[in-house]
C-alpha cells in the first residue's frame, strides 16, 4: 500500500511539472467575457461611425485622427468626460449598462454620436 501511495504521489508531481511549462501549455483557455473593442474614429468635425450598437459590457476605443487634441463628453457630461485626447492617441471607454449614451465633441457641438448598449 505504501508503494502505491509513493507511486501515485510521484505520478501526480510529475504530471504537475509537465503541465506547468512556461509556454502556457496546460493552462486553461479563456472562454467568453473578452469581447473585442469597438473603434470610433475622431476626425476634425465628426465621429466615424457616429452610432454604434454593442452588447452590454463591450468596450469602445475612441481614436483621435484629427491632427489636434480633441475632447468628448456625454450629454450629461458625467458618463463620458474626456478632454485632451491627443492626436494619434486613444481613449478607452467601457460601461456595464443597457441603454443609449449620446456624446459630443468639445468645441464642435454639431459633431455628435451615440453608443447603444443592448442586453
PDB file of N, CA and C in Angstrom:
ATOM      1  N   UNK A   1       0.824  -1.180   0.000  1.00  0.00           N
ATOM      2  CA  UNK A   1       0.000   0.000   0.000  1.00  0.00           C
ATOM      3  C   UNK A   1       0.872   1.249   0.000  1.00  0.00           C
ATOM      4  N   UNK A   2       1.977   1.187   0.796  1.00  0.00           N
ATOM      5  CA  UNK A   2       2.873   2.331   0.860  1.00  0.00           C
ATOM      6  C   UNK A   2       3.512   2.592  -0.502  1.00  0.00           C
ATOM      7  N   UNK A   3       3.872   1.537  -1.218  1.00  0.00           N
ATOM      8  CA  UNK A   3       4.464   1.688  -2.547  1.00  0.00           C
ATOM      9  C   UNK A   3       3.465   2.315  -3.526  1.00  0.00           C
ATOM     10  N   UNK A   4       2.191   1.957  -3.423  1.00  0.00           N
ATOM     11  CA  UNK A   4       1.157   2.533  -4.282  1.00  0.00           C
ATOM     12  C   UNK A   4       1.020   4.026  -3.998  1.00  0.00           C
ATOM     13  N   UNK A   5       1.052   4.396  -2.736  1.00  0.00           N
ATOM     14  CA  UNK A   5       0.958   5.806  -2.363  1.00  0.00           C
ATOM     15  C   UNK A   5       2.147   6.584  -2.928  1.00  0.00           C
ATOM     16  N   UNK A   6       3.344   6.052  -2.814  1.00  0.00           N
ATOM     17  CA  UNK A   6       4.546   6.716  -3.330  1.00  0.00           C
ATOM     18  C   UNK A   6       4.448   6.843  -4.845  1.00  0.00           C
ATOM     19  N   UNK A   7       4.012   5.807  -5.529  1.00  0.00           N
ATOM     20  CA  UNK A   7       3.856   5.836  -6.982  1.00  0.00           C
ATOM     21  C   UNK A   7       2.852   6.913  -7.407  1.00  0.00           C
ATOM     22  N   UNK A   8       1.700   6.968  -6.735  1.00  0.00           N
ATOM     23  CA  UNK A   8       0.677   7.963  -7.081  1.00  0.00           C
ATOM     24  C   UNK A   8       1.172   9.384  -6.809  1.00  0.00           C
ATOM     25  N   UNK A   9       1.885   9.572  -5.702  1.00  0.00           N
ATOM     26  CA  UNK A   9       2.422  10.896  -5.385  1.00  0.00           C
ATOM     27  C   UNK A   9       3.441  11.312  -6.437  1.00  0.00           C
ATOM     28  N   UNK A  10       4.329  10.404  -6.840  1.00  0.00           N
ATOM     29  CA  UNK A  10       5.331  10.691  -7.861  1.00  0.00           C
ATOM     30  C   UNK A  10       4.662  11.002  -9.192  1.00  0.00           C
ATOM     31  N   UNK A  11       3.668  10.210  -9.568  1.00  0.00           N
ATOM     32  CA  UNK A  11       2.940  10.415 -10.833  1.00  0.00           C
ATOM     33  C   UNK A  11       2.255  11.785 -10.838  1.00  0.00           C
ATOM     34  N   UNK A  12       1.594  12.127  -9.757  1.00  0.00           N
ATOM     35  CA  UNK A  12       0.899  13.414  -9.665  1.00  0.00           C
ATOM     36  C   UNK A  12       1.892  14.567  -9.740  1.00  0.00           C
ATOM     37  N   UNK A  13       2.991  14.476  -9.024  1.00  0.00           N
ATOM     38  CA  UNK A  13       4.009  15.517  -9.048  1.00  0.00           C
ATOM     39  C   UNK A  13       4.601  15.666 -10.442  1.00  0.00           C
ATOM     40  N   UNK A  14       4.907  14.542 -11.108  1.00  0.00           N
ATOM     41  CA  UNK A  14       5.466  14.582 -12.462  1.00  0.00           C
ATOM     42  C   UNK A  14       4.485  15.221 -13.435  1.00  0.00           C
ATOM     43  N   UNK A  15       3.227  14.871 -13.351  1.00  0.00           N
ATOM     44  CA  UNK A  15       2.198  15.429 -14.236  1.00  0.00           C
ATOM     45  C   UNK A  15       2.082  16.937 -14.016  1.00  0.00           C
ATOM     46  N   UNK A  16       2.142  17.375 -12.768  1.00  0.00           N
ATOM     47  CA  UNK A  16       2.041  18.799 -12.455  1.00  0.00           C
ATOM     48  C   UNK A  16       3.216  19.563 -13.054  1.00  0.00           C
ATOM     49  N   UNK A  17       4.412  19.020 -12.988  1.00  0.00           N
ATOM     50  CA  UNK A  17       5.581  19.674 -13.555  1.00  0.00           C
ATOM     51  C   UNK A  17       5.477  19.779 -15.072  1.00  0.00           C
ATOM     52  N   UNK A  18       5.029  18.732 -15.709  1.00  0.00           N
ATOM     53  CA  UNK A  18       4.918  18.722 -17.163  1.00  0.00           C
ATOM     54  C   UNK A  18       3.862  19.717 -17.638  1.00  0.00           C
ATOM     55  N   UNK A  19       2.759  19.808 -16.943  1.00  0.00           N
ATOM     56  CA  UNK A  19       1.657  20.653 -17.405  1.00  0.00           C
ATOM     57  C   UNK A  19       1.832  22.125 -17.040  1.00  0.00           C
ATOM     58  N   UNK A  20       2.868  22.483 -16.314  1.00  0.00           N
ATOM     59  CA  UNK A  20       3.082  23.878 -15.912  1.00  0.00           C
ATOM     60  C   UNK A  20       4.258  24.486 -16.651  1.00  0.00           C
ATOM     61  N   UNK A  21       4.433  24.188 -17.909  1.00  0.00           N
ATOM     62  CA  UNK A  21       5.522  24.746 -18.689  1.00  0.00           C
ATOM     63  C   UNK A  21       5.378  26.240 -18.883  1.00  0.00           C
ATOM     64  N   UNK A  22       6.486  26.907 -19.186  1.00  0.00           N
ATOM     65  CA  UNK A  22       6.496  28.349 -19.356  1.00  0.00           C
ATOM     66  C   UNK A  22       5.746  28.794 -20.614  1.00  0.00           C
ATOM     67  N   UNK A  23       5.563  27.923 -21.575  1.00  0.00           N
ATOM     68  CA  UNK A  23       4.902  28.307 -22.818  1.00  0.00           C
ATOM     69  C   UNK A  23       3.392  28.333 -22.677  1.00  0.00           C
ATOM     70  N   UNK A  24       2.857  28.108 -21.521  1.00  0.00           N
ATOM     71  CA  UNK A  24       1.417  28.165 -21.300  1.00  0.00           C
ATOM     72  C   UNK A  24       0.714  26.854 -21.568  1.00  0.00           C
ATOM     73  N   UNK A  25       1.445  25.829 -21.967  1.00  0.00           N
ATOM     74  CA  UNK A  25       0.824  24.532 -22.205  1.00  0.00           C
ATOM     75  C   UNK A  25       0.213  24.028 -20.912  1.00  0.00           C
ATOM     76  N   UNK A  26      -0.971  23.524 -20.986  1.00  0.00           N
ATOM     77  CA  UNK A  26      -1.649  23.014 -19.818  1.00  0.00           C
ATOM     78  C   UNK A  26      -2.436  24.066 -19.070  1.00  0.00           C
ATOM     79  N   UNK A  27      -2.336  25.320 -19.496  1.00  0.00           N
ATOM     80  CA  UNK A  27      -3.081  26.387 -18.855  1.00  0.00           C
ATOM     81  C   UNK A  27      -4.490  26.439 -19.418  1.00  0.00           C
ATOM     82  N   UNK A  28      -5.467  26.838 -18.634  1.00  0.00           N
ATOM     83  CA  UNK A  28      -6.822  26.917 -19.144  1.00  0.00           C
ATOM     84  C   UNK A  28      -6.948  27.994 -20.209  1.00  0.00           C
ATOM     85  N   UNK A  29      -7.774  27.745 -21.190  1.00  0.00           N
ATOM     86  CA  UNK A  29      -8.014  28.685 -22.270  1.00  0.00           C
ATOM     87  C   UNK A  29      -9.161  29.591 -21.858  1.00  0.00           C
ATOM     88  N   UNK A  30      -8.970  30.903 -22.024  1.00  0.00           N
ATOM     89  CA  UNK A  30     -10.018  31.866 -21.681  1.00  0.00           C
ATOM     90  C   UNK A  30     -11.219  31.650 -22.598  1.00  0.00           C
ATOM     91  N   UNK A  31     -12.380  31.613 -22.001  1.00  0.00           N
ATOM     92  CA  UNK A  31     -13.597  31.400 -22.775  1.00  0.00           C
ATOM     93  C   UNK A  31     -14.586  32.501 -22.415  1.00  0.00           C
ATOM     94  N   UNK A  32     -15.038  33.241 -23.426  1.00  0.00           N
ATOM     95  CA  UNK A  32     -16.059  34.268 -23.217  1.00  0.00           C
ATOM     96  C   UNK A  32     -15.573  35.408 -22.346  1.00  0.00           C
ATOM     97  N   UNK A  33     -16.357  36.467 -22.315  1.00  0.00           N
ATOM     98  CA  UNK A  33     -16.063  37.604 -21.473  1.00  0.00           C
ATOM     99  C   UNK A  33     -15.035  38.560 -22.033  1.00  0.00           C
ATOM    100  N   UNK A  34     -14.295  38.170 -23.032  1.00  0.00           N
ATOM    101  CA  UNK A  34     -13.284  39.026 -23.626  1.00  0.00           C
ATOM    102  C   UNK A  34     -13.774  39.523 -24.978  1.00  0.00           C
ATOM    103  N   UNK A  35     -14.751  40.420 -24.927  1.00  0.00           N
ATOM    104  CA  UNK A  35     -15.302  40.955 -26.162  1.00  0.00           C
ATOM    105  C   UNK A  35     -14.298  41.909 -26.789  1.00  0.00           C
ATOM    106  N   UNK A  36     -14.181  41.903 -28.118  1.00  0.00           N
ATOM    107  CA  UNK A  36     -13.255  42.843 -28.752  1.00  0.00           C
ATOM    108  C   UNK A  36     -13.762  44.276 -28.610  1.00  0.00           C
ATOM    109  N   UNK A  37     -12.848  45.222 -28.670  1.00  0.00           N
ATOM    110  CA  UNK A  37     -13.251  46.616 -28.567  1.00  0.00           C
ATOM    111  C   UNK A  37     -13.865  47.085 -29.881  1.00  0.00           C
ATOM    112  N   UNK A  38     -14.637  48.131 -29.818  1.00  0.00           N
ATOM    113  CA  UNK A  38     -15.250  48.759 -30.982  1.00  0.00           C
ATOM    114  C   UNK A  38     -14.601  50.121 -31.148  1.00  0.00           C
ATOM    115  N   UNK A  39     -14.190  50.454 -32.349  1.00  0.00           N
ATOM    116  CA  UNK A  39     -13.452  51.683 -32.583  1.00  0.00           C
ATOM    117  C   UNK A  39     -14.355  52.770 -33.141  1.00  0.00           C
ATOM    118  N   UNK A  40     -14.184  53.987 -32.612  1.00  0.00           N
ATOM    119  CA  UNK A  40     -14.815  55.178 -33.152  1.00  0.00           C
ATOM    120  C   UNK A  40     -13.680  56.147 -33.452  1.00  0.00           C
ATOM    121  N   UNK A  41     -13.579  56.548 -34.708  1.00  0.00           N
ATOM    122  CA  UNK A  41     -12.516  57.446 -35.139  1.00  0.00           C
ATOM    123  C   UNK A  41     -12.984  58.890 -34.979  1.00  0.00           C
ATOM    124  N   UNK A  42     -12.151  59.698 -34.362  1.00  0.00           N
ATOM    125  CA  UNK A  42     -12.429  61.126 -34.197  1.00  0.00           C
ATOM    126  C   UNK A  42     -11.687  61.860 -35.309  1.00  0.00           C
ATOM    127  N   UNK A  43     -12.445  62.532 -36.190  1.00  0.00           N
ATOM    128  CA  UNK A  43     -11.813  63.377 -37.204  1.00  0.00           C
ATOM    129  C   UNK A  43     -11.988  64.821 -36.772  1.00  0.00           C
ATOM    130  N   UNK A  44     -11.707  65.767 -37.660  1.00  0.00           N
ATOM    131  CA  UNK A  44     -11.750  67.169 -37.264  1.00  0.00           C
ATOM    132  C   UNK A  44     -13.129  67.626 -36.816  1.00  0.00           C
ATOM    133  N   UNK A  45     -14.203  67.120 -37.439  1.00  0.00           N
ATOM    134  CA  UNK A  45     -15.532  67.585 -37.067  1.00  0.00           C
ATOM    135  C   UNK A  45     -16.586  66.503 -37.048  1.00  0.00           C
ATOM    136  N   UNK A  46     -16.170  65.232 -36.890  1.00  0.00           N
ATOM    137  CA  UNK A  46     -17.157  64.145 -36.908  1.00  0.00           C
ATOM    138  C   UNK A  46     -16.585  62.903 -36.249  1.00  0.00           C
ATOM    139  N   UNK A  47     -17.485  61.972 -35.972  1.00  0.00           N
ATOM    140  CA  UNK A  47     -17.120  60.657 -35.463  1.00  0.00           C
ATOM    141  C   UNK A  47     -17.454  59.628 -36.536  1.00  0.00           C
ATOM    142  N   UNK A  48     -16.626  58.604 -36.660  1.00  0.00           N
ATOM    143  CA  UNK A  48     -16.910  57.559 -37.641  1.00  0.00           C
ATOM    144  C   UNK A  48     -16.667  56.193 -37.007  1.00  0.00           C
ATOM    145  N   UNK A  49     -17.705  55.375 -36.867  1.00  0.00           N
ATOM    146  CA  UNK A  49     -19.111  55.666 -37.153  1.00  0.00           C
ATOM    147  C   UNK A  49     -19.680  56.594 -36.082  1.00  0.00           C
ATOM    148  N   UNK A  50     -20.739  57.271 -36.446  1.00  0.00           N
ATOM    149  CA  UNK A  50     -21.342  58.195 -35.486  1.00  0.00           C
ATOM    150  C   UNK A  50     -22.242  57.468 -34.494  1.00  0.00           C
ATOM    151  N   UNK A  51     -22.676  56.274 -34.849  1.00  0.00           N
ATOM    152  CA  UNK A  51     -23.513  55.481 -33.959  1.00  0.00           C
ATOM    153  C   UNK A  51     -23.047  54.033 -34.010  1.00  0.00           C
ATOM    154  N   UNK A  52     -22.986  53.413 -32.844  1.00  0.00           N
ATOM    155  CA  UNK A  52     -22.569  52.023 -32.774  1.00  0.00           C
ATOM    156  C   UNK A  52     -23.448  51.305 -31.752  1.00  0.00           C
ATOM    157  N   UNK A  53     -23.873  50.099 -32.106  1.00  0.00           N
ATOM    158  CA  UNK A  53     -24.668  49.256 -31.195  1.00  0.00           C
ATOM    159  C   UNK A  53     -23.788  48.092 -30.758  1.00  0.00           C
ATOM    160  N   UNK A  54     -23.683  47.911 -29.438  1.00  0.00           N
ATOM    161  CA  UNK A  54     -22.835  46.868 -28.871  1.00  0.00           C
ATOM    162  C   UNK A  54     -23.579  46.169 -27.746  1.00  0.00           C
ATOM    163  N   UNK A  55     -23.092  45.012 -27.354  1.00  0.00           N
ATOM    164  CA  UNK A  55     -23.703  44.308 -26.234  1.00  0.00           C
ATOM    165  C   UNK A  55     -23.164  44.862 -24.922  1.00  0.00           C
ATOM    166  N   UNK A  56     -23.961  44.737 -23.894  1.00  0.00           N
ATOM    167  CA  UNK A  56     -23.618  45.181 -22.552  1.00  0.00           C
ATOM    168  C   UNK A  56     -22.244  44.637 -22.160  1.00  0.00           C
ATOM    169  N   UNK A  57     -21.388  45.495 -21.654  1.00  0.00           N
ATOM    170  CA  UNK A  57     -20.054  45.076 -21.241  1.00  0.00           C
ATOM    171  C   UNK A  57     -18.994  45.248 -22.301  1.00  0.00           C
ATOM    172  N   UNK A  58     -19.379  45.646 -23.505  1.00  0.00           N
ATOM    173  CA  UNK A  58     -18.407  45.871 -24.565  1.00  0.00           C
ATOM    174  C   UNK A  58     -17.628  47.154 -24.301  1.00  0.00           C
ATOM    175  N   UNK A  59     -16.504  47.271 -24.966  1.00  0.00           N
ATOM    176  CA  UNK A  59     -15.689  48.473 -24.818  1.00  0.00           C
ATOM    177  C   UNK A  59     -15.677  49.266 -26.117  1.00  0.00           C
ATOM    178  N   UNK A  60     -15.414  50.551 -25.964  1.00  0.00           N
ATOM    179  CA  UNK A  60     -15.299  51.457 -27.085  1.00  0.00           C
ATOM    180  C   UNK A  60     -13.933  52.116 -26.986  1.00  0.00           C
ATOM    181  N   UNK A  61     -13.219  52.196 -28.092  1.00  0.00           N
ATOM    182  CA  UNK A  61     -11.959  52.908 -28.137  1.00  0.00           C
ATOM    183  C   UNK A  61     -12.117  54.060 -29.111  1.00  0.00           C
ATOM    184  N   UNK A  62     -12.056  55.272 -28.582  1.00  0.00           N
ATOM    185  CA  UNK A  62     -12.100  56.478 -29.403  1.00  0.00           C
ATOM    186  C   UNK A  62     -10.673  56.759 -29.857  1.00  0.00           C
ATOM    187  N   UNK A  63     -10.443  56.833 -31.173  1.00  0.00           N
ATOM    188  CA  UNK A  63      -9.113  57.054 -31.718  1.00  0.00           C
ATOM    189  C   UNK A  63      -9.090  58.427 -32.388  1.00  0.00           C
ATOM    190  N   UNK A  64      -8.210  59.301 -31.938  1.00  0.00           N
ATOM    191  CA  UNK A  64      -8.128  60.656 -32.473  1.00  0.00           C
ATOM    192  C   UNK A  64      -7.226  60.690 -33.696  1.00  0.00           C
ATOM    193  N   UNK A  65      -7.805  60.987 -34.847  1.00  0.00           N
ATOM    194  CA  UNK A  65      -7.078  61.134 -36.107  1.00  0.00           C
ATOM    195  C   UNK A  65      -7.327  62.526 -36.693  1.00  0.00           C
ATOM    196  N   UNK A  66      -7.556  63.511 -35.835  1.00  0.00           N
ATOM    197  CA  UNK A  66      -7.943  64.843 -36.287  1.00  0.00           C
ATOM    198  C   UNK A  66      -6.770  65.773 -36.569  1.00  0.00           C
ATOM    199  N   UNK A  67      -5.606  65.483 -36.043  1.00  0.00           N
ATOM    200  CA  UNK A  67      -4.465  66.369 -36.196  1.00  0.00           C
ATOM    201  C   UNK A  67      -4.269  67.286 -35.003  1.00  0.00           C
ATOM    202  N   UNK A  68      -5.271  67.405 -34.139  1.00  0.00           N
ATOM    203  CA  UNK A  68      -5.172  68.228 -32.924  1.00  0.00           C
ATOM    204  C   UNK A  68      -5.828  67.487 -31.769  1.00  0.00           C
ATOM    205  N   UNK A  69      -5.584  67.973 -30.564  1.00  0.00           N
ATOM    206  CA  UNK A  69      -6.208  67.376 -29.381  1.00  0.00           C
ATOM    207  C   UNK A  69      -7.709  67.619 -29.417  1.00  0.00           C
ATOM    208  N   UNK A  70      -8.484  66.618 -29.040  1.00  0.00           N
ATOM    209  CA  UNK A  70      -9.947  66.718 -29.026  1.00  0.00           C
ATOM    210  C   UNK A  70     -10.466  66.214 -27.692  1.00  0.00           C
ATOM    211  N   UNK A  71     -11.641  66.670 -27.333  1.00  0.00           N
ATOM    212  CA  UNK A  71     -12.326  66.202 -26.144  1.00  0.00           C
ATOM    213  C   UNK A  71     -13.699  65.685 -26.515  1.00  0.00           C
ATOM    214  N   UNK A  72     -14.189  64.733 -25.760  1.00  0.00           N
ATOM    215  CA  UNK A  72     -15.546  64.219 -25.971  1.00  0.00           C
ATOM    216  C   UNK A  72     -16.251  64.172 -24.624  1.00  0.00           C
ATOM    217  N   UNK A  73     -17.549  64.380 -24.667  1.00  0.00           N
ATOM    218  CA  UNK A  73     -18.329  64.320 -23.443  1.00  0.00           C
ATOM    219  C   UNK A  73     -19.734  63.843 -23.759  1.00  0.00           C
ATOM    220  N   UNK A  74     -20.321  63.139 -22.809  1.00  0.00           N
ATOM    221  CA  UNK A  74     -21.695  62.661 -22.971  1.00  0.00           C
ATOM    222  C   UNK A  74     -22.647  63.818 -22.737  1.00  0.00           C
ATOM    223  N   UNK A  75     -23.899  63.625 -23.111  1.00  0.00           N
ATOM    224  CA  UNK A  75     -24.883  64.696 -22.978  1.00  0.00           C
ATOM    225  C   UNK A  75     -25.035  65.152 -21.528  1.00  0.00           C
ATOM    226  N   UNK A  76     -24.747  64.285 -20.554  1.00  0.00           N
ATOM    227  CA  UNK A  76     -24.814  64.699 -19.147  1.00  0.00           C
ATOM    228  C   UNK A  76     -23.437  65.115 -18.602  1.00  0.00           C
ATOM    229  N   UNK A  77     -22.414  65.031 -19.419  1.00  0.00           N
ATOM    230  CA  UNK A  77     -21.026  65.378 -19.065  1.00  0.00           C
ATOM    231  C   UNK A  77     -20.477  64.574 -17.894  1.00  0.00           C
ATOM    232  N   UNK A  78     -21.126  63.465 -17.556  1.00  0.00           N
ATOM    233  CA  UNK A  78     -20.672  62.651 -16.428  1.00  0.00           C
ATOM    234  C   UNK A  78     -20.160  61.293 -16.912  1.00  0.00           C
ATOM    235  N   UNK A  79     -20.962  60.599 -17.713  1.00  0.00           N
ATOM    236  CA  UNK A  79     -20.606  59.245 -18.141  1.00  0.00           C
ATOM    237  C   UNK A  79     -19.333  59.275 -18.979  1.00  0.00           C
ATOM    238  N   UNK A  80     -19.262  60.178 -19.938  1.00  0.00           N
ATOM    239  CA  UNK A  80     -18.035  60.391 -20.714  1.00  0.00           C
ATOM    240  C   UNK A  80     -17.667  61.856 -20.534  1.00  0.00           C
ATOM    241  N   UNK A  81     -16.459  62.086 -20.080  1.00  0.00           N
ATOM    242  CA  UNK A  81     -15.959  63.450 -19.942  1.00  0.00           C
ATOM    243  C   UNK A  81     -14.449  63.382 -20.073  1.00  0.00           C
ATOM    244  N   UNK A  82     -13.996  63.324 -21.305  1.00  0.00           N
ATOM    245  CA  UNK A  82     -12.570  63.154 -21.562  1.00  0.00           C
ATOM    246  C   UNK A  82     -12.074  64.305 -22.429  1.00  0.00           C
ATOM    247  N   UNK A  83     -11.242  65.128 -21.861  1.00  0.00           N
ATOM    248  CA  UNK A  83     -10.644  66.240 -22.586  1.00  0.00           C
ATOM    249  C   UNK A  83      -9.226  65.877 -23.010  1.00  0.00           C
ATOM    250  N   UNK A  84      -8.762  66.559 -24.020  1.00  0.00           N
ATOM    251  CA  UNK A  84      -7.368  66.450 -24.473  1.00  0.00           C
ATOM    252  C   UNK A  84      -6.941  65.045 -24.868  1.00  0.00           C
ATOM    253  N   UNK A  85      -7.698  64.439 -25.748  1.00  0.00           N
ATOM    254  CA  UNK A  85      -7.232  63.198 -26.373  1.00  0.00           C
ATOM    255  C   UNK A  85      -6.286  63.657 -27.479  1.00  0.00           C
ATOM    256  N   UNK A  86      -5.017  63.462 -27.274  1.00  0.00           N
ATOM    257  CA  UNK A  86      -4.013  63.960 -28.220  1.00  0.00           C
ATOM    258  C   UNK A  86      -4.129  63.234 -29.558  1.00  0.00           C
ATOM    259  N   UNK A  87      -3.662  63.909 -30.615  1.00  0.00           N
ATOM    260  CA  UNK A  87      -3.678  63.313 -31.950  1.00  0.00           C
ATOM    261  C   UNK A  87      -2.899  62.002 -31.952  1.00  0.00           C
ATOM    262  N   UNK A  88      -3.421  61.025 -32.660  1.00  0.00           N
ATOM    263  CA  UNK A  88      -2.819  59.693 -32.782  1.00  0.00           C
ATOM    264  C   UNK A  88      -2.749  58.941 -31.454  1.00  0.00           C
ATOM    265  N   UNK A  89      -3.645  59.283 -30.531  1.00  0.00           N
ATOM    266  CA  UNK A  89      -3.788  58.504 -29.305  1.00  0.00           C
ATOM    267  C   UNK A  89      -5.253  58.100 -29.174  1.00  0.00           C
ATOM    268  N   UNK A  90      -5.567  57.379 -28.128  1.00  0.00           N
ATOM    269  CA  UNK A  90      -6.934  56.877 -27.995  1.00  0.00           C
ATOM    270  C   UNK A  90      -7.422  56.995 -26.553  1.00  0.00           C
ATOM    271  N   UNK A  91      -8.723  56.846 -26.422  1.00  0.00           N
ATOM    272  CA  UNK A  91      -9.385  56.853 -25.118  1.00  0.00           C
ATOM    273  C   UNK A  91     -10.254  55.605 -25.054  1.00  0.00           C
ATOM    274  N   UNK A  92     -10.019  54.772 -24.058  1.00  0.00           N
ATOM    275  CA  UNK A  92     -10.735  53.523 -23.868  1.00  0.00           C
ATOM    276  C   UNK A  92     -11.902  53.761 -22.930  1.00  0.00           C
ATOM    277  N   UNK A  93     -13.094  53.319 -23.343  1.00  0.00           N
ATOM    278  CA  UNK A  93     -14.307  53.525 -22.552  1.00  0.00           C
ATOM    279  C   UNK A  93     -15.057  52.211 -22.462  1.00  0.00           C
ATOM    280  N   UNK A  94     -15.467  51.846 -21.251  1.00  0.00           N
ATOM    281  CA  UNK A  94     -16.249  50.626 -21.044  1.00  0.00           C
ATOM    282  C   UNK A  94     -17.292  50.907 -19.985  1.00  0.00           C
ATOM    283  N   UNK A  95     -18.514  50.538 -20.272  1.00  0.00           N
ATOM    284  CA  UNK A  95     -19.606  50.784 -19.335  1.00  0.00           C
ATOM    285  C   UNK A  95     -20.483  49.539 -19.299  1.00  0.00           C
ATOM    286  N   UNK A  96     -20.748  49.065 -18.116  1.00  0.00           N
ATOM    287  CA  UNK A  96     -21.606  47.897 -17.930  1.00  0.00           C
ATOM    288  C   UNK A  96     -23.034  48.404 -17.704  1.00  0.00           C
ATOM    289  N   UNK A  97     -23.735  48.652 -18.793  1.00  0.00           N
ATOM    290  CA  UNK A  97     -25.059  49.256 -18.717  1.00  0.00           C
ATOM    291  C   UNK A  97     -25.904  48.809 -19.910  1.00  0.00           C
ATOM    292  N   UNK A  98     -27.157  49.155 -19.887  1.00  0.00           N
ATOM    293  CA  UNK A  98     -28.054  48.948 -21.022  1.00  0.00           C
ATOM    294  C   UNK A  98     -28.702  50.294 -21.297  1.00  0.00           C
ATOM    295  N   UNK A  99     -28.724  50.697 -22.542  1.00  0.00           N
ATOM    296  CA  UNK A  99     -29.314  51.975 -22.913  1.00  0.00           C
ATOM    297  C   UNK A  99     -28.432  52.709 -23.899  1.00  0.00           C
ATOM    298  N   UNK A 100     -28.758  53.957 -24.150  1.00  0.00           N
ATOM    299  CA  UNK A 100     -28.043  54.763 -25.133  1.00  0.00           C
ATOM    300  C   UNK A 100     -27.276  55.880 -24.437  1.00  0.00           C
ATOM    301  N   UNK A 101     -26.023  56.037 -24.839  1.00  0.00           N
ATOM    302  CA  UNK A 101     -25.205  57.140 -24.369  1.00  0.00           C
ATOM    303  C   UNK A 101     -24.927  58.027 -25.580  1.00  0.00           C
ATOM    304  N   UNK A 102     -25.406  59.255 -25.532  1.00  0.00           N
ATOM    305  CA  UNK A 102     -25.145  60.224 -26.590  1.00  0.00           C
ATOM    306  C   UNK A 102     -23.917  61.041 -26.197  1.00  0.00           C
ATOM    307  N   UNK A 103     -23.073  61.361 -27.178  1.00  0.00           N
ATOM    308  CA  UNK A 103     -21.862  62.116 -26.891  1.00  0.00           C
ATOM    309  C   UNK A 103     -21.619  63.171 -27.960  1.00  0.00           C
ATOM    310  N   UNK A 104     -20.789  64.162 -27.609  1.00  0.00           N
ATOM    311  CA  UNK A 104     -20.450  65.278 -28.490  1.00  0.00           C
ATOM    312  C   UNK A 104     -18.959  65.536 -28.421  1.00  0.00           C
ATOM    313  N   UNK A 105     -18.498  66.273 -29.439  1.00  0.00           N
ATOM    314  CA  UNK A 105     -17.102  66.691 -29.468  1.00  0.00           C
ATOM    315  C   UNK A 105     -16.989  68.064 -28.813  1.00  0.00           C
ATOM    316  N   UNK A 106     -16.046  68.228 -27.919  1.00  0.00           N
ATOM    317  CA  UNK A 106     -15.830  69.522 -27.262  1.00  0.00           C
ATOM    318  C   UNK A 106     -15.458  70.565 -28.311  1.00  0.00           C
ATOM    319  N   UNK A 107     -16.126  71.694 -28.257  1.00  0.00           N
ATOM    320  CA  UNK A 107     -15.858  72.774 -29.194  1.00  0.00           C
ATOM    321  C   UNK A 107     -16.573  72.656 -30.521  1.00  0.00           C
ATOM    322  N   UNK A 108     -17.164  71.502 -30.799  1.00  0.00           N
ATOM    323  CA  UNK A 108     -17.916  71.271 -32.039  1.00  0.00           C
ATOM    324  C   UNK A 108     -19.184  70.519 -31.693  1.00  0.00           C
ATOM    325  N   UNK A 109     -20.153  71.197 -31.064  1.00  0.00           N
ATOM    326  CA  UNK A 109     -21.364  70.515 -30.589  1.00  0.00           C
ATOM    327  C   UNK A 109     -22.209  69.873 -31.692  1.00  0.00           C
ATOM    328  N   UNK A 110     -21.967  70.245 -32.963  1.00  0.00           N
ATOM    329  CA  UNK A 110     -22.711  69.588 -34.047  1.00  0.00           C
ATOM    330  C   UNK A 110     -22.139  68.206 -34.363  1.00  0.00           C
ATOM    331  N   UNK A 111     -20.924  67.919 -33.888  1.00  0.00           N
ATOM    332  CA  UNK A 111     -20.316  66.595 -34.068  1.00  0.00           C
ATOM    333  C   UNK A 111     -20.811  65.702 -32.935  1.00  0.00           C
ATOM    334  N   UNK A 112     -21.768  64.842 -33.246  1.00  0.00           N
ATOM    335  CA  UNK A 112     -22.402  64.003 -32.217  1.00  0.00           C
ATOM    336  C   UNK A 112     -22.304  62.530 -32.582  1.00  0.00           C
ATOM    337  N   UNK A 113     -22.567  61.706 -31.602  1.00  0.00           N
ATOM    338  CA  UNK A 113     -22.599  60.266 -31.809  1.00  0.00           C
ATOM    339  C   UNK A 113     -23.362  59.590 -30.693  1.00  0.00           C
ATOM    340  N   UNK A 114     -23.553  58.292 -30.835  1.00  0.00           N
ATOM    341  CA  UNK A 114     -24.244  57.538 -29.801  1.00  0.00           C
ATOM    342  C   UNK A 114     -23.695  56.120 -29.723  1.00  0.00           C
ATOM    343  N   UNK A 115     -23.762  55.600 -28.512  1.00  0.00           N
ATOM    344  CA  UNK A 115     -23.410  54.196 -28.257  1.00  0.00           C
ATOM    345  C   UNK A 115     -24.665  53.556 -27.659  1.00  0.00           C
ATOM    346  N   UNK A 116     -25.134  52.504 -28.301  1.00  0.00           N
ATOM    347  CA  UNK A 116     -26.333  51.799 -27.854  1.00  0.00           C
ATOM    348  C   UNK A 116     -25.888  50.476 -27.246  1.00  0.00           C
ATOM    349  N   UNK A 117     -26.059  50.339 -25.930  1.00  0.00           N
ATOM    350  CA  UNK A 117     -25.716  49.112 -25.224  1.00  0.00           C
ATOM    351  C   UNK A 117     -26.977  48.241 -25.114  1.00  0.00           C
ATOM    352  N   UNK A 118     -26.904  47.035 -25.662  1.00  0.00           N
ATOM    353  CA  UNK A 118     -28.036  46.112 -25.618  1.00  0.00           C
ATOM    354  C   UNK A 118     -27.741  44.991 -24.626  1.00  0.00           C
ATOM    355  N   UNK A 119     -28.800  44.336 -24.104  1.00  0.00           N
ATOM    356  CA  UNK A 119     -28.572  43.246 -23.147  1.00  0.00           C
ATOM    357  C   UNK A 119     -27.890  42.045 -23.782  1.00  0.00           C
TER     358      UNK A 119
END
